[in-house]
Amino acid sequence: MSQSTNELFDALANEHRRRILFDLVDQSRHGELPVAIDASPDASAGRAAAGIELTHVHLPKLDDYDLIDWNTGTDTVETGPRFSDVRPILEQLSDHQTVVAFESR
């Protein structure tokens, strides 16, 4: 596989990164950009850890892949230079999401 295909699968492998990319698709469909990122720690330790992980792992990774442009000063993201390469895939996934219920065995 090509490096860009591997990067796409890596970007989609994490729920936080998927949410950011899908939010960008949804926002751009409505002509609204950028997307605000809530990475500020609050009273919850779990939420603080999630904010740290977002700002130190997920946002930098998507930015490195050029899928987003992350403005650290305003905690906003916009589509990056390579977002148009993955947009059709994200739109297909977004348009055809199905909820699958797994029964306990």
Protein backbone atom coordinates (compact mmCIF):
# COMPACT_ATOMS: atom_id res chain seq x y z
CA MET A 1 0.00 0.00 0.00
CA SER A 2 1.03 3.56 -0.55
CA GLN A 3 2.10 5.82 2.28
CA SER A 4 -1.01 7.99 1.85
CA THR A 5 -3.28 4.91 2.12
CA ASN A 6 -1.50 3.83 5.31
CA GLU A 7 -1.84 7.35 6.70
CA LEU A 8 -5.57 7.37 5.91
CA PHE A 9 -6.12 4.08 7.72
CA ASP A 10 -4.03 5.31 10.64
CA ALA A 11 -6.00 8.56 10.76
CA LEU A 12 -9.30 6.66 10.78
CA ALA A 13 -8.12 4.06 13.30
CA ASN A 14 -8.80 6.30 16.28
CA GLU A 15 -12.24 7.54 17.33
CA HIS A 16 -10.98 11.05 18.22
CA ARG A 17 -9.29 11.50 14.85
CA ARG A 18 -12.37 10.15 13.01
CA ARG A 19 -14.60 12.59 14.86
CA ILE A 20 -12.38 15.53 13.86
CA LEU A 21 -12.33 14.47 10.20
CA PHE A 22 -16.09 13.81 10.09
CA ASP A 23 -16.75 17.16 11.77
CA LEU A 24 -14.73 18.85 9.03
CA VAL A 25 -16.79 17.08 6.37
CA ASP A 26 -20.04 18.10 8.06
CA GLN A 27 -18.94 21.68 8.63
CA SER A 28 -17.64 22.14 5.10
CA ARG A 29 -20.92 20.81 3.67
CA HIS A 30 -22.63 23.70 5.43
CA GLY A 31 -19.94 26.23 4.51
CA GLU A 32 -18.80 26.61 8.11
CA LEU A 33 -15.12 26.38 8.92
CA PRO A 34 -13.05 26.15 11.08
CA VAL A 35 -14.06 23.55 13.65
CA ALA A 36 -13.44 24.48 17.29
CA ILE A 37 -11.56 21.89 19.33
CA ASP A 38 -12.36 21.56 23.02
CA ALA A 39 -9.02 20.44 24.39
CA SER A 40 -9.12 22.44 27.61
CA PRO A 41 -8.80 20.47 30.83
CA ASP A 42 -11.64 20.77 33.31
CA ALA A 43 -12.46 19.23 36.70
CA SER A 44 -12.70 15.70 35.33
CA ALA A 45 -9.39 13.83 35.28
CA GLY A 46 -10.58 11.72 32.34
CA ARG A 47 -11.51 14.82 30.36
CA ALA A 48 -8.16 16.44 31.15
CA ALA A 49 -6.32 13.31 29.96
CA ALA A 50 -8.40 13.26 26.78
CA GLY A 51 -7.51 16.91 26.13
CA ILE A 52 -3.82 16.20 26.61
CA GLU A 53 -4.00 13.21 24.27
CA LEU A 54 -5.86 15.29 21.69
CA THR A 55 -3.31 18.10 21.69
CA HIS A 56 -0.21 15.90 21.94
CA VAL A 57 -1.17 12.93 19.75
CA HIS A 58 -4.25 13.22 17.56
CA LEU A 59 -4.15 16.81 16.30
CA PRO A 60 -0.40 16.74 15.58
CA LYS A 61 -0.76 13.44 13.71
CA LEU A 62 -3.58 14.74 11.48
CA ASP A 63 -1.62 17.95 10.95
CA ASP A 64 1.53 15.97 10.02
CA TYR A 65 -0.53 13.99 7.49
CA ASP A 66 -1.70 17.36 6.04
CA LEU A 67 -5.31 16.33 6.56
CA ILE A 68 -5.92 19.34 8.81
CA ASP A 69 -4.44 22.76 9.46
CA TRP A 70 -4.42 23.14 13.23
CA ASN A 71 -4.29 26.63 14.69
CA THR A 72 -2.91 26.13 18.20
CA GLY A 73 -3.61 29.73 19.16
CA THR A 74 -7.36 29.45 18.65
CA ASP A 75 -7.73 25.65 19.04
CA THR A 76 -9.41 25.40 15.66
CA VAL A 77 -8.83 23.14 12.70
CA GLU A 78 -9.52 23.59 9.02
CA THR A 79 -9.16 21.24 6.13
CA GLY A 80 -5.52 20.66 5.24
CA PRO A 81 -3.83 20.44 1.84
CA ARG A 82 -4.48 16.69 1.50
CA PHE A 83 -8.02 16.70 2.92
CA SER A 84 -9.49 16.66 -0.59
CA ASP A 85 -7.72 13.33 -1.17
CA VAL A 86 -9.67 11.67 1.66
CA ARG A 87 -12.88 13.69 1.54
CA PRO A 88 -14.72 11.31 -0.85
CA ILE A 89 -13.93 8.36 1.42
CA LEU A 90 -15.05 10.27 4.52
CA GLU A 91 -18.26 11.36 2.78
CA GLN A 92 -19.05 7.79 1.77
CA LEU A 93 -18.43 6.55 5.30
CA SER A 94 -20.50 9.38 6.77
CA ASP A 95 -23.38 8.92 4.32
CA HIS A 96 -23.55 5.16 4.78
CA GLN A 97 -23.08 4.73 8.50
CA THR A 98 -25.11 1.88 9.85
CA VAL A 99 -25.62 0.88 13.41
CA VAL A 100 -24.82 -2.75 13.94
CA ALA A 101 -26.11 -4.33 17.10
CA PHE A 102 -24.17 -7.32 18.32
CA GLU A 103 -26.04 -9.86 20.33
CA SER A 104 -24.39 -11.37 23.38
CA ARG A 105 -23.64 -15.03 22.99
